[in-house]
Amino acid sequence: MLKISVIIPTYNRRETLVTALSSVEQQSYPAHEIIVIDDGSTDNTYNLLKQKFPNINAIFQPNQGVSHARNRGIEQATGDWLAFLDSDDEWLPHKLETQVRHLIDNPEYKICHTEEIWVRHGKRVNPMKKHKKNGGWIFRHCLPLCAMSPSSILIHRSVFESAGWFDESLPACEDYDLWLRITARYPVLFIEQPLIIKYGGHADQLSARYWGMDRFRIKALQNIIDSGILNADDQAAAEAMLIKKCRIYSQGALKRNKTEEAEKYRHIMEHYQ
């Protein structure tokens, strides 16, 4: 039996949070514990949790962002394995059971993710080719964009001890940053069966809040390139991706008359050429 701690960060999503939590409680393989970090919600989320889900570990904190909330959950967790669920997503009933079975059959893996179902504005949609999931040593596959969904992840605690936690200085793309650090060190087990439902299209998603998301990915690429942990092939691939993203971002900044911003990323690009 794997002891799994489920960590759910939330901010002003009390309606979707109920669905997310119910999907955890209905798992065929029970979680060891469920931890919800209410990141300063103003919609009475915390009281709802206490009333409707009295058996979970509900923690309220002033609003400090999703990375801080997830890290708080990691800090509080007592399980050997950690699963994350965004409060606007949902697990299918056999999600944990299926992952546990695959991990027991493949004990060399310390991180597992799954295929997913996408729903946008209430309708199921097919992900684009660039979002195709993979397993194994997937570092280079993770360079263009976030290649694993936090809601699908099951990860051994020891991974955080070597790769670090979520970077709280990043307002977005914090998962992209962590996956780079992890996949540079570990192979990933991928289950091709869809085991989560990802809901999108709502206005409070980080991708809708920030223009130029690539600037956060560029920072993550700089960090992993400068870390010294990459092999030669991964280093070359990461530098090539950073240069590509800097060029595209700089051109976009110029179109928006952000001259200083464009110049900043041109200098970053030149540093790695």
C-alpha atoms as a PDB file:
ATOM      1  CA  MET A   1       0.000   0.000   0.000  1.00  0.00           C
ATOM      2  CA  LEU A   2       1.338   3.399  -0.970  1.00  0.00           C
ATOM      3  CA  LYS A   3       0.559   6.234   1.446  1.00  0.00           C
ATOM      4  CA  ILE A   4      -0.647   9.057  -0.791  1.00  0.00           C
ATOM      5  CA  SER A   5      -1.130  12.630   0.351  1.00  0.00           C
ATOM      6  CA  VAL A   6      -3.382  14.642  -1.964  1.00  0.00           C
ATOM      7  CA  ILE A   7      -2.617  18.384  -2.155  1.00  0.00           C
ATOM      8  CA  ILE A   8      -5.206  20.808  -3.546  1.00  0.00           C
ATOM      9  CA  PRO A   9      -4.447  24.544  -3.734  1.00  0.00           C
ATOM     10  CA  THR A  10      -7.469  26.766  -4.213  1.00  0.00           C
ATOM     11  CA  TYR A  11      -8.395  30.426  -4.522  1.00  0.00           C
ATOM     12  CA  ASN A  12     -12.017  31.588  -4.880  1.00  0.00           C
ATOM     13  CA  ARG A  13     -13.195  28.382  -6.559  1.00  0.00           C
ATOM     14  CA  ARG A  14     -15.621  26.972  -4.006  1.00  0.00           C
ATOM     15  CA  GLU A  15     -18.000  25.560  -6.639  1.00  0.00           C
ATOM     16  CA  THR A  16     -15.423  23.657  -8.682  1.00  0.00           C
ATOM     17  CA  LEU A  17     -13.553  22.720  -5.495  1.00  0.00           C
ATOM     18  CA  VAL A  18     -16.518  20.644  -4.336  1.00  0.00           C
ATOM     19  CA  THR A  19     -16.336  18.624  -7.563  1.00  0.00           C
ATOM     20  CA  ALA A  20     -12.576  18.191  -7.262  1.00  0.00           C
ATOM     21  CA  LEU A  21     -12.775  17.047  -3.636  1.00  0.00           C
ATOM     22  CA  SER A  22     -15.655  14.678  -4.335  1.00  0.00           C
ATOM     23  CA  SER A  23     -13.581  13.042  -7.085  1.00  0.00           C
ATOM     24  CA  VAL A  24     -10.822  12.367  -4.552  1.00  0.00           C
ATOM     25  CA  GLU A  25     -13.185  10.970  -1.942  1.00  0.00           C
ATOM     26  CA  GLN A  26     -14.702   8.642  -4.557  1.00  0.00           C
ATOM     27  CA  GLN A  27     -11.380   7.058  -5.517  1.00  0.00           C
ATOM     28  CA  SER A  28     -11.288   3.253  -5.572  1.00  0.00           C
ATOM     29  CA  TYR A  29      -7.869   3.507  -3.907  1.00  0.00           C
ATOM     30  CA  PRO A  30      -8.246   5.746  -0.846  1.00  0.00           C
ATOM     31  CA  ALA A  31      -5.820   8.571  -0.191  1.00  0.00           C
ATOM     32  CA  HIS A  32      -3.903   8.577   3.081  1.00  0.00           C
ATOM     33  CA  GLU A  33      -4.893  12.223   3.561  1.00  0.00           C
ATOM     34  CA  ILE A  34      -6.360  15.178   1.685  1.00  0.00           C
ATOM     35  CA  ILE A  35      -4.840  18.618   2.230  1.00  0.00           C
ATOM     36  CA  VAL A  36      -6.544  21.736   0.866  1.00  0.00           C
ATOM     37  CA  ILE A  37      -4.627  25.004   1.001  1.00  0.00           C
ATOM     38  CA  ASP A  38      -7.078  27.894   0.811  1.00  0.00           C
ATOM     39  CA  ASP A  39      -4.842  30.647  -0.536  1.00  0.00           C
ATOM     40  CA  GLY A  40      -6.703  33.632   0.863  1.00  0.00           C
ATOM     41  CA  SER A  41     -10.112  33.019  -0.735  1.00  0.00           C
ATOM     42  CA  THR A  42     -12.788  35.664  -0.195  1.00  0.00           C
ATOM     43  CA  ASP A  43     -15.748  33.474  -1.228  1.00  0.00           C
ATOM     44  CA  ASN A  44     -16.140  31.640   2.105  1.00  0.00           C
ATOM     45  CA  THR A  45     -14.242  28.604   0.833  1.00  0.00           C
ATOM     46  CA  TYR A  46     -12.706  27.788   4.217  1.00  0.00           C
ATOM     47  CA  ASN A  47     -16.068  27.613   6.011  1.00  0.00           C
ATOM     48  CA  LEU A  48     -17.452  25.464   3.209  1.00  0.00           C
ATOM     49  CA  LEU A  49     -14.576  23.030   3.670  1.00  0.00           C
ATOM     50  CA  LYS A  50     -15.122  22.782   7.408  1.00  0.00           C
ATOM     51  CA  GLN A  51     -18.856  22.190   6.976  1.00  0.00           C
ATOM     52  CA  LYS A  52     -18.948  19.870   3.961  1.00  0.00           C
ATOM     53  CA  PHE A  53     -15.585  18.083   4.207  1.00  0.00           C
ATOM     54  CA  PRO A  54     -14.801  17.824   7.942  1.00  0.00           C
ATOM     55  CA  ASN A  55     -12.328  14.956   7.498  1.00  0.00           C
ATOM     56  CA  ILE A  56      -9.859  16.795   5.285  1.00  0.00           C
ATOM     57  CA  ASN A  57      -6.940  18.912   6.452  1.00  0.00           C
ATOM     58  CA  ALA A  58      -8.069  22.435   5.491  1.00  0.00           C
ATOM     59  CA  ILE A  59      -5.437  25.159   5.857  1.00  0.00           C
ATOM     60  CA  PHE A  60      -6.116  28.849   5.333  1.00  0.00           C
ATOM     61  CA  GLN A  61      -3.312  31.263   4.478  1.00  0.00           C
ATOM     62  CA  PRO A  62      -3.105  34.853   3.186  1.00  0.00           C
ATOM     63  CA  ASN A  63      -2.959  34.952  -0.603  1.00  0.00           C
ATOM     64  CA  GLN A  64       0.599  34.072  -1.646  1.00  0.00           C
ATOM     65  CA  GLY A  65       0.133  32.272  -4.962  1.00  0.00           C
ATOM     66  CA  VAL A  66      -0.248  28.709  -6.147  1.00  0.00           C
ATOM     67  CA  SER A  67       3.429  27.777  -5.699  1.00  0.00           C
ATOM     68  CA  HIS A  68       3.443  28.801  -2.058  1.00  0.00           C
ATOM     69  CA  ALA A  69       0.160  26.941  -1.538  1.00  0.00           C
ATOM     70  CA  ARG A  70       1.501  23.732  -3.089  1.00  0.00           C
ATOM     71  CA  ASN A  71       4.736  24.023  -1.112  1.00  0.00           C
ATOM     72  CA  ARG A  72       2.714  24.484   2.080  1.00  0.00           C
ATOM     73  CA  GLY A  73       0.892  21.282   1.206  1.00  0.00           C
ATOM     74  CA  ILE A  74       4.160  19.424   0.625  1.00  0.00           C
ATOM     75  CA  GLU A  75       5.391  20.678   3.982  1.00  0.00           C
ATOM     76  CA  GLN A  76       2.249  19.432   5.757  1.00  0.00           C
ATOM     77  CA  ALA A  77       2.000  16.075   3.952  1.00  0.00           C
ATOM     78  CA  THR A  78       2.807  12.878   5.844  1.00  0.00           C
ATOM     79  CA  GLY A  79       2.553  10.422   2.936  1.00  0.00           C
ATOM     80  CA  ASP A  80       5.490   8.982   1.018  1.00  0.00           C
ATOM     81  CA  TRP A  81       3.782   9.778  -2.271  1.00  0.00           C
ATOM     82  CA  LEU A  82       2.236  13.121  -3.200  1.00  0.00           C
ATOM     83  CA  ALA A  83      -0.567  13.756  -5.664  1.00  0.00           C
ATOM     84  CA  PHE A  84      -1.670  17.204  -6.789  1.00  0.00           C
ATOM     85  CA  LEU A  85      -5.081  18.285  -7.999  1.00  0.00           C
ATOM     86  CA  ASP A  86      -6.003  21.758  -9.221  1.00  0.00           C
ATOM     87  CA  SER A  87      -9.288  22.890  -7.734  1.00  0.00           C
ATOM     88  CA  ASP A  88     -10.905  23.295 -11.167  1.00  0.00           C
ATOM     89  CA  ASP A  89     -10.013  19.773 -12.344  1.00  0.00           C
ATOM     90  CA  GLU A  90     -11.415  16.336 -11.560  1.00  0.00           C
ATOM     91  CA  TRP A  91     -10.094  12.788 -11.151  1.00  0.00           C
ATOM     92  CA  LEU A  92     -11.761   9.754 -12.677  1.00  0.00           C
ATOM     93  CA  PRO A  93     -12.631   7.089 -10.049  1.00  0.00           C
ATOM     94  CA  HIS A  94      -9.710   4.693 -10.693  1.00  0.00           C
ATOM     95  CA  LYS A  95      -7.008   7.342 -11.066  1.00  0.00           C
ATOM     96  CA  LEU A  96      -4.974   6.547  -7.957  1.00  0.00           C
ATOM     97  CA  GLU A  97      -5.567   2.789  -8.150  1.00  0.00           C
ATOM     98  CA  THR A  98      -4.275   2.664 -11.728  1.00  0.00           C
ATOM     99  CA  GLN A  99      -1.181   4.710 -10.924  1.00  0.00           C
ATOM    100  CA  VAL A 100      -0.397   2.647  -7.830  1.00  0.00           C
ATOM    101  CA  ARG A 101      -0.656  -0.577  -9.816  1.00  0.00           C
ATOM    102  CA  HIS A 102       1.710   0.713 -12.501  1.00  0.00           C
ATOM    103  CA  LEU A 103       4.207   2.037  -9.959  1.00  0.00           C
ATOM    104  CA  ILE A 104       4.269  -1.275  -8.093  1.00  0.00           C
ATOM    105  CA  ASP A 105       4.933  -3.029 -11.412  1.00  0.00           C
ATOM    106  CA  ASN A 106       7.655  -0.474 -12.281  1.00  0.00           C
ATOM    107  CA  PRO A 107       9.433   0.293  -8.995  1.00  0.00           C
ATOM    108  CA  GLU A 108      12.304   2.110 -10.712  1.00  0.00           C
ATOM    109  CA  TYR A 109      10.006   5.106 -11.331  1.00  0.00           C
ATOM    110  CA  LYS A 110       9.412   7.853  -8.780  1.00  0.00           C
ATOM    111  CA  ILE A 111       7.054  10.020 -10.825  1.00  0.00           C
ATOM    112  CA  CYS A 112       3.997   9.073 -12.832  1.00  0.00           C
ATOM    113  CA  HIS A 113       1.549  11.028 -14.980  1.00  0.00           C
ATOM    114  CA  THR A 114      -1.429  10.084 -17.123  1.00  0.00           C
ATOM    115  CA  GLU A 115      -3.382  10.920 -20.223  1.00  0.00           C
ATOM    116  CA  GLU A 116      -6.205  13.412 -19.728  1.00  0.00           C
ATOM    117  CA  ILE A 117      -9.574  14.557 -21.033  1.00  0.00           C
ATOM    118  CA  TRP A 118      -9.870  18.231 -21.952  1.00  0.00           C
ATOM    119  CA  VAL A 119     -13.109  20.167 -21.525  1.00  0.00           C
ATOM    120  CA  ARG A 120     -13.300  23.816 -22.679  1.00  0.00           C
ATOM    121  CA  HIS A 121     -16.415  25.907 -22.079  1.00  0.00           C
ATOM    122  CA  GLY A 122     -18.365  22.744 -21.310  1.00  0.00           C
ATOM    123  CA  LYS A 123     -17.362  20.843 -24.450  1.00  0.00           C
ATOM    124  CA  ARG A 124     -14.772  18.104 -24.859  1.00  0.00           C
ATOM    125  CA  VAL A 125     -11.913  19.122 -27.142  1.00  0.00           C
ATOM    126  CA  ASN A 126      -8.925  17.284 -28.575  1.00  0.00           C
ATOM    127  CA  PRO A 127      -5.469  18.509 -27.505  1.00  0.00           C
ATOM    128  CA  MET A 128      -3.146  19.687 -30.266  1.00  0.00           C
ATOM    129  CA  LYS A 129      -0.205  17.562 -31.351  1.00  0.00           C
ATOM    130  CA  LYS A 130       2.208  19.724 -29.329  1.00  0.00           C
ATOM    131  CA  HIS A 131       0.420  18.649 -26.137  1.00  0.00           C
ATOM    132  CA  LYS A 132       1.040  14.922 -26.728  1.00  0.00           C
ATOM    133  CA  LYS A 133       2.135  13.153 -23.538  1.00  0.00           C
ATOM    134  CA  ASN A 134       5.216  10.953 -23.259  1.00  0.00           C
ATOM    135  CA  GLY A 135       7.114   8.803 -20.795  1.00  0.00           C
ATOM    136  CA  GLY A 136      10.741   7.905 -20.114  1.00  0.00           C
ATOM    137  CA  TRP A 137      13.508  10.502 -20.204  1.00  0.00           C
ATOM    138  CA  ILE A 138      11.330  13.367 -21.434  1.00  0.00           C
ATOM    139  CA  PHE A 139      13.415  16.442 -20.577  1.00  0.00           C
ATOM    140  CA  ARG A 140      13.665  17.611 -24.192  1.00  0.00           C
ATOM    141  CA  HIS A 141       9.958  16.983 -24.695  1.00  0.00           C
ATOM    142  CA  CYS A 142       9.311  19.336 -21.744  1.00  0.00           C
ATOM    143  CA  LEU A 143      11.254  22.256 -23.241  1.00  0.00           C
ATOM    144  CA  PRO A 144       8.585  23.849 -25.507  1.00  0.00           C
ATOM    145  CA  LEU A 145       5.757  23.929 -22.943  1.00  0.00           C
ATOM    146  CA  CYS A 146       4.360  22.253 -19.838  1.00  0.00           C
ATOM    147  CA  ALA A 147       4.268  18.580 -20.817  1.00  0.00           C
ATOM    148  CA  MET A 148       2.674  17.146 -17.662  1.00  0.00           C
ATOM    149  CA  SER A 149      -0.478  18.271 -15.892  1.00  0.00           C
ATOM    150  CA  PRO A 150      -0.095  18.847 -12.139  1.00  0.00           C
ATOM    151  CA  SER A 151      -3.501  17.217 -11.629  1.00  0.00           C
ATOM    152  CA  SER A 152      -2.233  13.944 -13.092  1.00  0.00           C
ATOM    153  CA  ILE A 153       1.032  13.745 -11.165  1.00  0.00           C
ATOM    154  CA  LEU A 154       1.884  11.146  -8.518  1.00  0.00           C
ATOM    155  CA  ILE A 155       5.385  11.714  -7.199  1.00  0.00           C
ATOM    156  CA  HIS A 156       7.605  10.291  -4.473  1.00  0.00           C
ATOM    157  CA  ARG A 157       8.600  12.711  -1.742  1.00  0.00           C
ATOM    158  CA  SER A 158      12.318  12.046  -2.308  1.00  0.00           C
ATOM    159  CA  VAL A 159      12.089  13.710  -5.744  1.00  0.00           C
ATOM    160  CA  PHE A 160      11.512  17.079  -4.082  1.00  0.00           C
ATOM    161  CA  GLU A 161      14.555  16.568  -1.886  1.00  0.00           C
ATOM    162  CA  SER A 162      16.816  16.377  -4.949  1.00  0.00           C
ATOM    163  CA  ALA A 163      14.994  18.580  -7.492  1.00  0.00           C
ATOM    164  CA  GLY A 164      13.596  21.228  -5.148  1.00  0.00           C
ATOM    165  CA  TRP A 165      10.047  22.501  -4.646  1.00  0.00           C
ATOM    166  CA  PHE A 166       7.858  24.874  -6.653  1.00  0.00           C
ATOM    167  CA  ASP A 167       9.581  28.202  -7.346  1.00  0.00           C
ATOM    168  CA  GLU A 168       7.545  30.828  -5.496  1.00  0.00           C
ATOM    169  CA  SER A 169       9.192  33.674  -7.428  1.00  0.00           C
ATOM    170  CA  LEU A 170       7.380  32.605 -10.609  1.00  0.00           C
ATOM    171  CA  PRO A 171       3.794  33.919 -10.854  1.00  0.00           C
ATOM    172  CA  ALA A 172       3.081  31.403 -13.637  1.00  0.00           C
ATOM    173  CA  CYS A 173       4.748  28.435 -15.404  1.00  0.00           C
ATOM    174  CA  GLU A 174       5.869  27.174 -12.004  1.00  0.00           C
ATOM    175  CA  ASP A 175       4.959  23.638 -13.060  1.00  0.00           C
ATOM    176  CA  TYR A 176       6.993  23.959 -16.293  1.00  0.00           C
ATOM    177  CA  ASP A 177       9.966  25.029 -14.180  1.00  0.00           C
ATOM    178  CA  LEU A 178       9.646  22.098 -11.766  1.00  0.00           C
ATOM    179  CA  TRP A 179       9.183  19.523 -14.525  1.00  0.00           C
ATOM    180  CA  LEU A 180      12.429  20.685 -16.136  1.00  0.00           C
ATOM    181  CA  ARG A 181      14.294  20.165 -12.872  1.00  0.00           C
ATOM    182  CA  ILE A 182      12.692  16.783 -12.310  1.00  0.00           C
ATOM    183  CA  THR A 183      12.940  15.329 -15.834  1.00  0.00           C
ATOM    184  CA  ALA A 184      16.619  16.309 -16.015  1.00  0.00           C
ATOM    185  CA  ARG A 185      17.122  13.900 -13.098  1.00  0.00           C
ATOM    186  CA  TYR A 186      14.447  11.197 -13.382  1.00  0.00           C
ATOM    187  CA  PRO A 187      12.605   9.153 -15.997  1.00  0.00           C
ATOM    188  CA  VAL A 188       8.819   9.492 -15.961  1.00  0.00           C
ATOM    189  CA  LEU A 189       6.206   6.736 -16.049  1.00  0.00           C
ATOM    190  CA  PHE A 190       3.348   7.596 -18.406  1.00  0.00           C
ATOM    191  CA  ILE A 191      -0.070   5.893 -18.363  1.00  0.00           C
ATOM    192  CA  GLU A 192      -1.828   6.302 -21.702  1.00  0.00           C
ATOM    193  CA  GLN A 193      -5.284   5.893 -20.143  1.00  0.00           C
ATOM    194  CA  PRO A 194      -7.109   9.203 -19.490  1.00  0.00           C
ATOM    195  CA  LEU A 195      -7.534   9.440 -15.719  1.00  0.00           C
ATOM    196  CA  ILE A 196      -8.271  13.144 -15.171  1.00  0.00           C
ATOM    197  CA  ILE A 197     -10.582  15.768 -16.593  1.00  0.00           C
ATOM    198  CA  LYS A 198      -9.037  19.184 -17.144  1.00  0.00           C
ATOM    199  CA  TYR A 199     -11.471  22.056 -17.368  1.00  0.00           C
ATOM    200  CA  GLY A 200     -10.420  25.252 -19.117  1.00  0.00           C
ATOM    201  CA  GLY A 201     -11.600  28.469 -20.616  1.00  0.00           C
ATOM    202  CA  HIS A 202     -12.408  30.362 -17.418  1.00  0.00           C
ATOM    203  CA  ALA A 203     -11.102  33.872 -16.856  1.00  0.00           C
ATOM    204  CA  ASP A 204      -9.120  33.213 -13.666  1.00  0.00           C
ATOM    205  CA  GLN A 205      -6.644  30.845 -15.322  1.00  0.00           C
ATOM    206  CA  LEU A 206      -3.067  32.124 -15.109  1.00  0.00           C
ATOM    207  CA  SER A 207      -2.663  31.859 -18.883  1.00  0.00           C
ATOM    208  CA  ALA A 208      -5.477  34.389 -19.263  1.00  0.00           C
ATOM    209  CA  ARG A 209      -4.080  36.717 -16.599  1.00  0.00           C
ATOM    210  CA  TYR A 210      -0.522  37.219 -17.895  1.00  0.00           C
ATOM    211  CA  TRP A 211       0.631  38.457 -21.303  1.00  0.00           C
ATOM    212  CA  GLY A 212       3.803  36.839 -22.617  1.00  0.00           C
ATOM    213  CA  MET A 213       3.870  33.602 -20.605  1.00  0.00           C
ATOM    214  CA  ASP A 214       7.140  32.666 -22.303  1.00  0.00           C
ATOM    215  CA  ARG A 215       9.018  35.176 -20.150  1.00  0.00           C
ATOM    216  CA  PHE A 216       8.463  32.842 -17.187  1.00  0.00           C
ATOM    217  CA  ARG A 217       9.573  29.840 -19.223  1.00  0.00           C
ATOM    218  CA  ILE A 218      12.689  31.748 -20.295  1.00  0.00           C
ATOM    219  CA  LYS A 219      13.547  32.317 -16.637  1.00  0.00           C
ATOM    220  CA  ALA A 220      13.068  28.625 -15.918  1.00  0.00           C
ATOM    221  CA  LEU A 221      15.296  27.743 -18.882  1.00  0.00           C
ATOM    222  CA  GLN A 222      17.994  30.114 -17.664  1.00  0.00           C
ATOM    223  CA  ASN A 223      17.898  28.477 -14.246  1.00  0.00           C
ATOM    224  CA  ILE A 224      18.188  24.900 -15.525  1.00  0.00           C
ATOM    225  CA  ILE A 225      20.892  25.831 -18.077  1.00  0.00           C
ATOM    226  CA  ASP A 226      22.964  27.595 -15.423  1.00  0.00           C
ATOM    227  CA  SER A 227      22.470  24.802 -12.859  1.00  0.00           C
ATOM    228  CA  GLY A 228      25.238  22.619 -14.297  1.00  0.00           C
ATOM    229  CA  ILE A 229      23.223  19.391 -13.985  1.00  0.00           C
ATOM    230  CA  LEU A 230      22.393  18.854 -17.678  1.00  0.00           C
ATOM    231  CA  ASN A 231      24.236  16.447 -19.947  1.00  0.00           C
ATOM    232  CA  ALA A 232      25.693  17.895 -23.133  1.00  0.00           C
ATOM    233  CA  ASP A 233      22.749  17.011 -25.389  1.00  0.00           C
ATOM    234  CA  ASP A 234      20.126  18.334 -22.969  1.00  0.00           C
ATOM    235  CA  GLN A 235      22.195  21.484 -22.412  1.00  0.00           C
ATOM    236  CA  ALA A 236      22.366  22.172 -26.142  1.00  0.00           C
ATOM    237  CA  ALA A 237      18.644  21.539 -26.561  1.00  0.00           C
ATOM    238  CA  ALA A 238      17.766  23.821 -23.626  1.00  0.00           C
ATOM    239  CA  GLU A 239      19.963  26.648 -24.944  1.00  0.00           C
ATOM    240  CA  ALA A 240      18.425  26.321 -28.426  1.00  0.00           C
ATOM    241  CA  MET A 241      14.923  26.527 -26.929  1.00  0.00           C
ATOM    242  CA  LEU A 242      15.840  29.540 -24.803  1.00  0.00           C
ATOM    243  CA  ILE A 243      17.209  31.381 -27.847  1.00  0.00           C
ATOM    244  CA  LYS A 244      14.071  30.551 -29.824  1.00  0.00           C
ATOM    245  CA  LYS A 245      11.751  31.748 -27.052  1.00  0.00           C
ATOM    246  CA  CYS A 246      13.772  34.940 -26.514  1.00  0.00           C
ATOM    247  CA  ARG A 247      13.615  35.757 -30.217  1.00  0.00           C
ATOM    248  CA  ILE A 248       9.846  35.241 -30.404  1.00  0.00           C
ATOM    249  CA  TYR A 249       9.202  37.121 -27.173  1.00  0.00           C
ATOM    250  CA  SER A 250      11.429  40.027 -28.185  1.00  0.00           C
ATOM    251  CA  GLN A 251       9.632  40.366 -31.518  1.00  0.00           C
ATOM    252  CA  GLY A 252       6.276  40.328 -29.726  1.00  0.00           C
ATOM    253  CA  ALA A 253       7.434  43.005 -27.294  1.00  0.00           C
ATOM    254  CA  LEU A 254       8.520  45.249 -30.170  1.00  0.00           C
ATOM    255  CA  LYS A 255       5.073  44.936 -31.773  1.00  0.00           C
ATOM    256  CA  ARG A 256       3.608  46.195 -28.493  1.00  0.00           C
ATOM    257  CA  ASN A 257       6.100  49.088 -28.346  1.00  0.00           C
ATOM    258  CA  LYS A 258       7.833  47.533 -25.332  1.00  0.00           C
ATOM    259  CA  THR A 259      11.285  48.570 -26.526  1.00  0.00           C
ATOM    260  CA  GLU A 260      13.161  48.067 -23.261  1.00  0.00           C
ATOM    261  CA  GLU A 261      11.543  44.652 -22.786  1.00  0.00           C
ATOM    262  CA  ALA A 262      12.544  43.613 -26.308  1.00  0.00           C
ATOM    263  CA  GLU A 263      16.117  44.770 -25.728  1.00  0.00           C
ATOM    264  CA  LYS A 264      16.345  42.881 -22.440  1.00  0.00           C
ATOM    265  CA  TYR A 265      15.460  39.564 -24.071  1.00  0.00           C
ATOM    266  CA  ARG A 266      17.675  40.240 -27.073  1.00  0.00           C
ATOM    267  CA  HIS A 267      20.609  40.509 -24.650  1.00  0.00           C
ATOM    268  CA  ILE A 268      19.610  37.251 -22.944  1.00  0.00           C
ATOM    269  CA  MET A 269      19.464  35.567 -26.347  1.00  0.00           C
ATOM    270  CA  GLU A 270      22.899  36.851 -27.304  1.00  0.00           C
ATOM    271  CA  HIS A 271      24.381  35.617 -24.013  1.00  0.00           C
ATOM    272  CA  TYR A 272      23.502  32.009 -24.889  1.00  0.00           C
ATOM    273  CA  GLN A 273      24.347  32.123 -28.602  1.00  0.00           C
END
